[in-house]
Amino acid sequence: VLDDPHVAPHHVSVGADDGRLHVMVGETVNGLRCGRELLP
């Protein structure tokens, strides 16, 4: 739980296998910034 007004209620879900992370961005206005890439 993040105390940030710019974070959506369910912003992102993360899973993993074989050392790689599987990221699913929820319903958010701001998306998820990974390095220089913006995931909407």
All heavy atoms as atom14 arrays in JSON, in Angstrom:
{
  "sequence": "VLDDPHVAPHHVSVGADDGRLHVMVGETVNGLRCGRELLP",
  "atom14_mask": [
    [1, 1, 1, 1, 1, 1, 1, 0, 0, 0, 0, 0, 0, 0],
    [1, 1, 1, 1, 1, 1, 1, 1, 0, 0, 0, 0, 0, 0],
    [1, 1, 1, 1, 1, 1, 1, 1, 0, 0, 0, 0, 0, 0],
    [1, 1, 1, 1, 1, 1, 1, 1, 0, 0, 0, 0, 0, 0],
    [1, 1, 1, 1, 1, 1, 1, 0, 0, 0, 0, 0, 0, 0],
    [1, 1, 1, 1, 1, 1, 1, 1, 1, 1, 0, 0, 0, 0],
    [1, 1, 1, 1, 1, 1, 1, 0, 0, 0, 0, 0, 0, 0],
    [1, 1, 1, 1, 1, 0, 0, 0, 0, 0, 0, 0, 0, 0],
    [1, 1, 1, 1, 1, 1, 1, 0, 0, 0, 0, 0, 0, 0],
    [1, 1, 1, 1, 1, 1, 1, 1, 1, 1, 0, 0, 0, 0],
    [1, 1, 1, 1, 1, 1, 1, 1, 1, 1, 0, 0, 0, 0],
    [1, 1, 1, 1, 1, 1, 1, 0, 0, 0, 0, 0, 0, 0],
    [1, 1, 1, 1, 1, 1, 0, 0, 0, 0, 0, 0, 0, 0],
    [1, 1, 1, 1, 1, 1, 1, 0, 0, 0, 0, 0, 0, 0],
    [1, 1, 1, 1, 0, 0, 0, 0, 0, 0, 0, 0, 0, 0],
    [1, 1, 1, 1, 1, 0, 0, 0, 0, 0, 0, 0, 0, 0],
    [1, 1, 1, 1, 1, 1, 1, 1, 0, 0, 0, 0, 0, 0],
    [1, 1, 1, 1, 1, 1, 1, 1, 0, 0, 0, 0, 0, 0],
    [1, 1, 1, 1, 0, 0, 0, 0, 0, 0, 0, 0, 0, 0],
    [1, 1, 1, 1, 1, 1, 1, 1, 1, 1, 1, 0, 0, 0],
    [1, 1, 1, 1, 1, 1, 1, 1, 0, 0, 0, 0, 0, 0],
    [1, 1, 1, 1, 1, 1, 1, 1, 1, 1, 0, 0, 0, 0],
    [1, 1, 1, 1, 1, 1, 1, 0, 0, 0, 0, 0, 0, 0],
    [1, 1, 1, 1, 1, 1, 1, 1, 0, 0, 0, 0, 0, 0],
    [1, 1, 1, 1, 1, 1, 1, 0, 0, 0, 0, 0, 0, 0],
    [1, 1, 1, 1, 0, 0, 0, 0, 0, 0, 0, 0, 0, 0],
    [1, 1, 1, 1, 1, 1, 1, 1, 1, 0, 0, 0, 0, 0],
    [1, 1, 1, 1, 1, 1, 1, 0, 0, 0, 0, 0, 0, 0],
    [1, 1, 1, 1, 1, 1, 1, 0, 0, 0, 0, 0, 0, 0],
    [1, 1, 1, 1, 1, 1, 1, 1, 0, 0, 0, 0, 0, 0],
    [1, 1, 1, 1, 0, 0, 0, 0, 0, 0, 0, 0, 0, 0],
    [1, 1, 1, 1, 1, 1, 1, 1, 0, 0, 0, 0, 0, 0],
    [1, 1, 1, 1, 1, 1, 1, 1, 1, 1, 1, 0, 0, 0],
    [1, 1, 1, 1, 1, 1, 0, 0, 0, 0, 0, 0, 0, 0],
    [1, 1, 1, 1, 0, 0, 0, 0, 0, 0, 0, 0, 0, 0],
    [1, 1, 1, 1, 1, 1, 1, 1, 1, 1, 1, 0, 0, 0],
    [1, 1, 1, 1, 1, 1, 1, 1, 1, 0, 0, 0, 0, 0],
    [1, 1, 1, 1, 1, 1, 1, 1, 0, 0, 0, 0, 0, 0],
    [1, 1, 1, 1, 1, 1, 1, 1, 0, 0, 0, 0, 0, 0],
    [1, 1, 1, 1, 1, 1, 1, 0, 0, 0, 0, 0, 0, 0]
  ],
  "atom14_positions": [
    [[0.85, -1.19, 0.0], [0.0, 0.0, 0.0], [0.89, 1.24, 0.0], [1.76, 1.39, 0.86], [-0.93, 0.01, 1.23], [-1.78, 1.27, 1.25], [-1.81, -1.23, 1.25], [0.0, 0.0, 0.0], [0.0, 0.0, 0.0], [0.0, 0.0, 0.0], [0.0, 0.0, 0.0], [0.0, 0.0, 0.0], [0.0, 0.0, 0.0], [0.0, 0.0, 0.0]],
    [[0.68, 2.1, -1.01], [1.46, 3.32, -1.15], [0.61, 4.53, -0.8], [-0.52, 4.65, -1.27], [1.99, 3.45, -2.58], [2.88, 2.32, -3.07], [3.29, 2.56, -4.52], [4.1, 2.16, -2.18], [0.0, 0.0, 0.0], [0.0, 0.0, 0.0], [0.0, 0.0, 0.0], [0.0, 0.0, 0.0], [0.0, 0.0, 0.0], [0.0, 0.0, 0.0]],
    [[1.17, 5.41, -0.01], [0.48, 6.64, 0.38], [0.91, 7.75, -0.59], [1.79, 8.55, -0.29], [0.84, 7.0, 1.82], [0.1, 8.24, 2.32], [-0.95, 8.58, 1.74], [0.59, 8.86, 3.27], [0.0, 0.0, 0.0], [0.0, 0.0, 0.0], [0.0, 0.0, 0.0], [0.0, 0.0, 0.0], [0.0, 0.0, 0.0], [0.0, 0.0, 0.0]],
    [[0.33, 7.74, -1.77], [0.68, 8.67, -2.84], [-0.6, 8.95, -3.63], [-1.19, 8.03, -4.19], [1.74, 8.03, -3.73], [2.18, 8.87, -4.91], [1.48, 9.85, -5.27], [3.23, 8.55, -5.5], [0.0, 0.0, 0.0], [0.0, 0.0, 0.0], [0.0, 0.0, 0.0], [0.0, 0.0, 0.0], [0.0, 0.0, 0.0], [0.0, 0.0, 0.0]],
    [[-1.05, 10.21, -3.69], [-2.29, 10.52, -4.41], [-2.2, 10.28, -5.92], [-3.22, 10.25, -6.59], [-2.54, 12.0, -4.1], [-1.21, 12.54, -3.72], [-0.46, 11.4, -3.1], [0.0, 0.0, 0.0], [0.0, 0.0, 0.0], [0.0, 0.0, 0.0], [0.0, 0.0, 0.0], [0.0, 0.0, 0.0], [0.0, 0.0, 0.0], [0.0, 0.0, 0.0]],
    [[-1.01, 10.07, -6.45], [-0.81, 9.82, -7.87], [-0.83, 8.32, -8.21], [-0.61, 7.93, -9.35], [0.5, 10.45, -8.35], [0.53, 11.92, -8.15], [-0.05, 12.8, -9.03], [1.03, 12.67, -7.15], [0.1, 14.03, -8.59], [0.75, 13.97, -7.44], [0.0, 0.0, 0.0], [0.0, 0.0, 0.0], [0.0, 0.0, 0.0], [0.0, 0.0, 0.0]],
    [[-1.07, 7.49, -7.2], [-1.14, 6.05, -7.36], [-2.61, 5.64, -7.4], [-3.41, 6.09, -6.58], [-0.4, 5.33, -6.2], [-0.62, 3.83, -6.24], [1.08, 5.65, -6.25], [0.0, 0.0, 0.0], [0.0, 0.0, 0.0], [0.0, 0.0, 0.0], [0.0, 0.0, 0.0], [0.0, 0.0, 0.0], [0.0, 0.0, 0.0], [0.0, 0.0, 0.0]],
    [[-2.96, 4.77, -8.34], [-4.32, 4.25, -8.46], [-4.58, 3.24, -7.34], [-3.65, 2.67, -6.78], [-4.52, 3.6, -9.82], [0.0, 0.0, 0.0], [0.0, 0.0, 0.0], [0.0, 0.0, 0.0], [0.0, 0.0, 0.0], [0.0, 0.0, 0.0], [0.0, 0.0, 0.0], [0.0, 0.0, 0.0], [0.0, 0.0, 0.0], [0.0, 0.0, 0.0]],
    [[-5.86, 2.97, -7.03], [-6.15, 1.98, -6.0], [-5.49, 0.62, -6.27], [-4.96, 0.0, -5.35], [-7.68, 1.88, -6.04], [-8.12, 3.22, -6.53], [-7.07, 3.63, -7.52], [0.0, 0.0, 0.0], [0.0, 0.0, 0.0], [0.0, 0.0, 0.0], [0.0, 0.0, 0.0], [0.0, 0.0, 0.0], [0.0, 0.0, 0.0], [0.0, 0.0, 0.0]],
    [[-5.52, 0.14, -7.49], [-4.84, -1.11, -7.89], [-3.96, -0.75, -9.08], [-4.32, -0.99, -10.22], [-5.85, -2.2, -8.24], [-6.72, -2.56, -7.09], [-8.02, -2.18, -7.0], [-6.44, -3.25, -5.96], [-8.53, -2.62, -5.86], [-7.59, -3.28, -5.21], [0.0, 0.0, 0.0], [0.0, 0.0, 0.0], [0.0, 0.0, 0.0], [0.0, 0.0, 0.0]],
    [[-2.81, -0.18, -8.81], [-1.96, 0.42, -9.83], [-1.27, -0.62, -10.71], [-1.26, -0.51, -11.92], [-0.92, 1.32, -9.17], [-0.38, 2.37, -10.06], [-0.81, 3.68, -10.02], [0.56, 2.33, -11.02], [-0.17, 4.38, -10.93], [0.68, 3.58, -11.54], [0.0, 0.0, 0.0], [0.0, 0.0, 0.0], [0.0, 0.0, 0.0], [0.0, 0.0, 0.0]],
    [[-0.66, -1.62, -10.08], [0.11, -2.61, -10.84], [0.1, -3.96, -10.11], [0.04, -4.02, -8.89], [1.56, -2.12, -11.07], [2.32, -1.95, -9.78], [2.32, -3.01, -12.02], [0.0, 0.0, 0.0], [0.0, 0.0, 0.0], [0.0, 0.0, 0.0], [0.0, 0.0, 0.0], [0.0, 0.0, 0.0], [0.0, 0.0, 0.0], [0.0, 0.0, 0.0]],
    [[0.14, -5.03, -10.9], [0.24, -6.38, -10.38], [1.53, -6.98, -10.93], [1.84, -6.81, -12.12], [-0.97, -7.19, -10.83], [-0.87, -8.51, -10.36], [0.0, 0.0, 0.0], [0.0, 0.0, 0.0], [0.0, 0.0, 0.0], [0.0, 0.0, 0.0], [0.0, 0.0, 0.0], [0.0, 0.0, 0.0], [0.0, 0.0, 0.0], [0.0, 0.0, 0.0]],
    [[2.27, -7.68, -10.08], [3.58, -8.22, -10.47], [3.62, -9.72, -10.18], [3.25, -10.16, -9.09], [4.72, -7.53, -9.69], [6.07, -8.04, -10.14], [4.64, -6.02, -9.8], [0.0, 0.0, 0.0], [0.0, 0.0, 0.0], [0.0, 0.0, 0.0], [0.0, 0.0, 0.0], [0.0, 0.0, 0.0], [0.0, 0.0, 0.0], [0.0, 0.0, 0.0]],
    [[4.07, -10.48, -11.16], [4.31, -11.91, -11.0], [5.73, -12.2, -11.48], [6.39, -11.31, -12.02], [0.0, 0.0, 0.0], [0.0, 0.0, 0.0], [0.0, 0.0, 0.0], [0.0, 0.0, 0.0], [0.0, 0.0, 0.0], [0.0, 0.0, 0.0], [0.0, 0.0, 0.0], [0.0, 0.0, 0.0], [0.0, 0.0, 0.0], [0.0, 0.0, 0.0]],
    [[6.21, -13.42, -11.31], [7.57, -13.73, -11.74], [7.72, -15.2, -12.08], [7.02, -16.05, -11.54], [8.57, -13.36, -10.66], [0.0, 0.0, 0.0], [0.0, 0.0, 0.0], [0.0, 0.0, 0.0], [0.0, 0.0, 0.0], [0.0, 0.0, 0.0], [0.0, 0.0, 0.0], [0.0, 0.0, 0.0], [0.0, 0.0, 0.0], [0.0, 0.0, 0.0]],
    [[8.65, -15.47, -13.01], [9.14, -16.82, -13.27], [10.47, -16.7, -14.02], [10.71, -15.75, -14.74], [8.13, -17.67, -14.04], [7.81, -17.17, -15.43], [8.51, -16.3, -15.94], [6.84, -17.67, -16.02], [0.0, 0.0, 0.0], [0.0, 0.0, 0.0], [0.0, 0.0, 0.0], [0.0, 0.0, 0.0], [0.0, 0.0, 0.0], [0.0, 0.0, 0.0]],
    [[11.34, -17.64, -13.78], [12.66, -17.68, -14.44], [13.44, -16.37, -14.33], [14.12, -15.96, -15.26], [12.52, -18.08, -15.91], [11.95, -19.48, -16.08], [12.23, -20.33, -15.21], [11.23, -19.71, -17.06], [0.0, 0.0, 0.0], [0.0, 0.0, 0.0], [0.0, 0.0, 0.0], [0.0, 0.0, 0.0], [0.0, 0.0, 0.0], [0.0, 0.0, 0.0]],
    [[13.32, -15.68, -13.19], [14.09, -14.46, -12.98], [13.57, -13.24, -13.72], [14.22, -12.2, -13.73], [0.0, 0.0, 0.0], [0.0, 0.0, 0.0], [0.0, 0.0, 0.0], [0.0, 0.0, 0.0], [0.0, 0.0, 0.0], [0.0, 0.0, 0.0], [0.0, 0.0, 0.0], [0.0, 0.0, 0.0], [0.0, 0.0, 0.0], [0.0, 0.0, 0.0]],
    [[12.41, -13.35, -14.34], [11.8, -12.23, -15.06], [10.51, -11.83, -14.37], [9.78, -12.69, -13.87], [11.51, -12.6, -16.51], [12.68, -13.15, -17.29], [13.7, -12.15, -17.68], [13.11, -11.16, -18.58], [13.77, -10.13, -19.04], [15.02, -9.94, -18.7], [13.2, -9.26, -19.83], [0.0, 0.0, 0.0], [0.0, 0.0, 0.0], [0.0, 0.0, 0.0]],
    [[10.23, -10.55, -14.35], [9.01, -10.05, -13.72], [7.95, -9.8, -14.78], [8.23, -9.22, -15.83], [9.31, -8.75, -12.97], [10.31, -8.88, -11.83], [10.66, -7.5, -11.29], [9.77, -9.77, -10.74], [0.0, 0.0, 0.0], [0.0, 0.0, 0.0], [0.0, 0.0, 0.0], [0.0, 0.0, 0.0], [0.0, 0.0, 0.0], [0.0, 0.0, 0.0]],
    [[6.74, -10.23, -14.51], [5.6, -10.0, -15.4], [4.76, -8.9, -14.75], [4.21, -9.1, -13.67], [4.79, -11.28, -15.58], [5.59, -12.37, -16.19], [5.7, -12.53, -17.54], [6.36, -13.34, -15.62], [6.49, -13.56, -17.79], [6.91, -14.06, -16.64], [0.0, 0.0, 0.0], [0.0, 0.0, 0.0], [0.0, 0.0, 0.0], [0.0, 0.0, 0.0]],
    [[4.67, -7.78, -15.43], [4.01, -6.59, -14.9], [2.71, -6.36, -15.65], [2.71, -6.37, -16.89], [4.94, -5.36, -15.06], [4.26, -4.11, -14.54], [6.26, -5.6, -14.36], [0.0, 0.0, 0.0], [0.0, 0.0, 0.0], [0.0, 0.0, 0.0], [0.0, 0.0, 0.0], [0.0, 0.0, 0.0], [0.0, 0.0, 0.0], [0.0, 0.0, 0.0]],
    [[1.62, -6.15, -14.91], [0.34, -5.8, -15.51], [-0.14, -4.5, -14.88], [-0.37, -4.45, -13.66], [-0.68, -6.92, -15.28], [-0.34, -8.18, -16.06], [-1.12, -9.64, -15.39], [-0.07, -9.99, -13.99], [0.0, 0.0, 0.0], [0.0, 0.0, 0.0], [0.0, 0.0, 0.0], [0.0, 0.0, 0.0], [0.0, 0.0, 0.0], [0.0, 0.0, 0.0]],
    [[-0.24, -3.45, -15.69], [-0.64, -2.14, -15.2], [-2.16, -2.09, -15.1], [-2.86, -2.45, -16.04], [-0.11, -1.03, -16.13], [-0.48, 0.35, -15.59], [1.4, -1.15, -16.31], [0.0, 0.0, 0.0], [0.0, 0.0, 0.0], [0.0, 0.0, 0.0], [0.0, 0.0, 0.0], [0.0, 0.0, 0.0], [0.0, 0.0, 0.0], [0.0, 0.0, 0.0]],
    [[-2.65, -1.64, -13.96], [-4.09, -1.54, -13.74], [-4.68, -0.27, -14.34], [-4.05, 0.39, -15.17], [0.0, 0.0, 0.0], [0.0, 0.0, 0.0], [0.0, 0.0, 0.0], [0.0, 0.0, 0.0], [0.0, 0.0, 0.0], [0.0, 0.0, 0.0], [0.0, 0.0, 0.0], [0.0, 0.0, 0.0], [0.0, 0.0, 0.0], [0.0, 0.0, 0.0]],
    [[-5.88, 0.06, -13.89], [-6.56, 1.26, -14.36], [-5.95, 2.47, -13.66], [-6.27, 2.75, -12.51], [-8.05, 1.18, -14.09], [-8.74, 0.14, -14.93], [-10.24, 0.16, -14.73], [-10.8, 1.23, -14.46], [-10.83, -0.91, -14.84], [0.0, 0.0, 0.0], [0.0, 0.0, 0.0], [0.0, 0.0, 0.0], [0.0, 0.0, 0.0], [0.0, 0.0, 0.0]],
    [[-5.06, 3.14, -14.35], [-4.36, 4.29, -13.79], [-4.2, 5.38, -14.84], [-4.0, 5.08, -16.01], [-2.98, 3.88, -13.23], [-2.24, 5.06, -12.9], [-2.18, 3.08, -14.23], [0.0, 0.0, 0.0], [0.0, 0.0, 0.0], [0.0, 0.0, 0.0], [0.0, 0.0, 0.0], [0.0, 0.0, 0.0], [0.0, 0.0, 0.0], [0.0, 0.0, 0.0]],
    [[-4.26, 6.6, -14.4], [-4.05, 7.74, -15.29], [-2.57, 7.88, -15.62], [-2.19, 8.2, -16.74], [-4.57, 9.04, -14.63], [-4.2, 10.27, -15.44], [-6.06, 8.96, -14.4], [0.0, 0.0, 0.0], [0.0, 0.0, 0.0], [0.0, 0.0, 0.0], [0.0, 0.0, 0.0], [0.0, 0.0, 0.0], [0.0, 0.0, 0.0], [0.0, 0.0, 0.0]],
    [[-1.7, 7.59, -14.65], [-0.26, 7.86, -14.78], [0.55, 6.72, -15.38], [1.71, 6.89, -15.7], [0.32, 8.24, -13.42], [-0.32, 9.49, -12.88], [-0.45, 10.47, -13.59], [-0.75, 9.46, -11.64], [0.0, 0.0, 0.0], [0.0, 0.0, 0.0], [0.0, 0.0, 0.0], [0.0, 0.0, 0.0], [0.0, 0.0, 0.0], [0.0, 0.0, 0.0]],
    [[-0.01, 5.52, -15.48], [0.76, 4.4, -15.99], [1.87, 4.0, -15.04], [1.87, 4.37, -13.87], [0.0, 0.0, 0.0], [0.0, 0.0, 0.0], [0.0, 0.0, 0.0], [0.0, 0.0, 0.0], [0.0, 0.0, 0.0], [0.0, 0.0, 0.0], [0.0, 0.0, 0.0], [0.0, 0.0, 0.0], [0.0, 0.0, 0.0], [0.0, 0.0, 0.0]],
    [[2.84, 3.27, -15.55], [3.99, 2.81, -14.78], [5.24, 3.14, -15.56], [5.39, 2.75, -16.71], [3.9, 1.29, -14.54], [5.08, 0.65, -13.82], [5.11, 1.08, -12.36], [5.0, -0.86, -13.93], [0.0, 0.0, 0.0], [0.0, 0.0, 0.0], [0.0, 0.0, 0.0], [0.0, 0.0, 0.0], [0.0, 0.0, 0.0], [0.0, 0.0, 0.0]],
    [[6.16, 3.87, -14.95], [7.41, 4.2, -15.61], [8.47, 3.21, -15.17], [8.76, 3.07, -13.99], [7.85, 5.63, -15.27], [9.1, 6.01, -16.03], [9.3, 7.49, -16.14], [8.25, 8.21, -16.8], [8.08, 8.31, -18.12], [8.89, 7.65, -18.93], [7.11, 9.03, -18.63], [0.0, 0.0, 0.0], [0.0, 0.0, 0.0], [0.0, 0.0, 0.0]],
    [[9.03, 2.49, -16.15], [10.11, 1.52, -15.94], [11.33, 2.06, -16.67], [11.39, 1.97, -17.9], [9.72, 0.15, -16.49], [8.24, -0.55, -15.78], [0.0, 0.0, 0.0], [0.0, 0.0, 0.0], [0.0, 0.0, 0.0], [0.0, 0.0, 0.0], [0.0, 0.0, 0.0], [0.0, 0.0, 0.0], [0.0, 0.0, 0.0], [0.0, 0.0, 0.0]],
    [[12.28, 2.6, -15.92], [13.41, 3.26, -16.57], [12.9, 4.44, -17.37], [12.22, 5.3, -16.85], [0.0, 0.0, 0.0], [0.0, 0.0, 0.0], [0.0, 0.0, 0.0], [0.0, 0.0, 0.0], [0.0, 0.0, 0.0], [0.0, 0.0, 0.0], [0.0, 0.0, 0.0], [0.0, 0.0, 0.0], [0.0, 0.0, 0.0], [0.0, 0.0, 0.0]],
    [[13.17, 4.45, -18.67], [12.7, 5.53, -19.54], [11.4, 5.19, -20.27], [10.86, 5.98, -21.0], [13.77, 5.89, -20.56], [14.99, 6.49, -19.92], [16.03, 6.81, -20.98], [17.17, 7.4, -20.32], [17.62, 8.6, -20.59], [17.04, 9.33, -21.49], [18.67, 9.07, -19.95], [0.0, 0.0, 0.0], [0.0, 0.0, 0.0], [0.0, 0.0, 0.0]],
    [[10.91, 3.97, -20.06], [9.72, 3.51, -20.76], [8.47, 3.73, -19.89], [8.47, 3.45, -18.7], [9.86, 2.02, -21.08], [8.74, 1.45, -21.88], [8.95, -0.02, -22.19], [10.02, -0.57, -21.89], [8.01, -0.62, -22.74], [0.0, 0.0, 0.0], [0.0, 0.0, 0.0], [0.0, 0.0, 0.0], [0.0, 0.0, 0.0], [0.0, 0.0, 0.0]],
    [[7.4, 4.22, -20.53], [6.13, 4.4, -19.84], [5.16, 3.32, -20.3], [4.87, 3.2, -21.49], [5.54, 5.78, -20.13], [4.18, 6.05, -19.49], [4.29, 6.04, -17.97], [3.62, 7.36, -19.98], [0.0, 0.0, 0.0], [0.0, 0.0, 0.0], [0.0, 0.0, 0.0], [0.0, 0.0, 0.0], [0.0, 0.0, 0.0], [0.0, 0.0, 0.0]],
    [[4.69, 2.51, -19.36], [3.69, 1.49, -19.65], [2.32, 2.08, -19.32], [2.06, 2.41, -18.17], [3.93, 0.23, -18.82], [5.29, -0.45, -18.98], [5.41, -1.61, -18.02], [5.48, -0.91, -20.41], [0.0, 0.0, 0.0], [0.0, 0.0, 0.0], [0.0, 0.0, 0.0], [0.0, 0.0, 0.0], [0.0, 0.0, 0.0], [0.0, 0.0, 0.0]],
    [[1.44, 2.23, -20.31], [0.14, 2.85, -20.05], [-0.82, 1.9, -19.34], [-0.58, 0.69, -19.25], [-0.36, 3.2, -21.45], [0.3, 2.22, -22.35], [1.63, 1.91, -21.71], [0.0, 0.0, 0.0], [0.0, 0.0, 0.0], [0.0, 0.0, 0.0], [0.0, 0.0, 0.0], [0.0, 0.0, 0.0], [0.0, 0.0, 0.0], [0.0, 0.0, 0.0]]
  ]
}
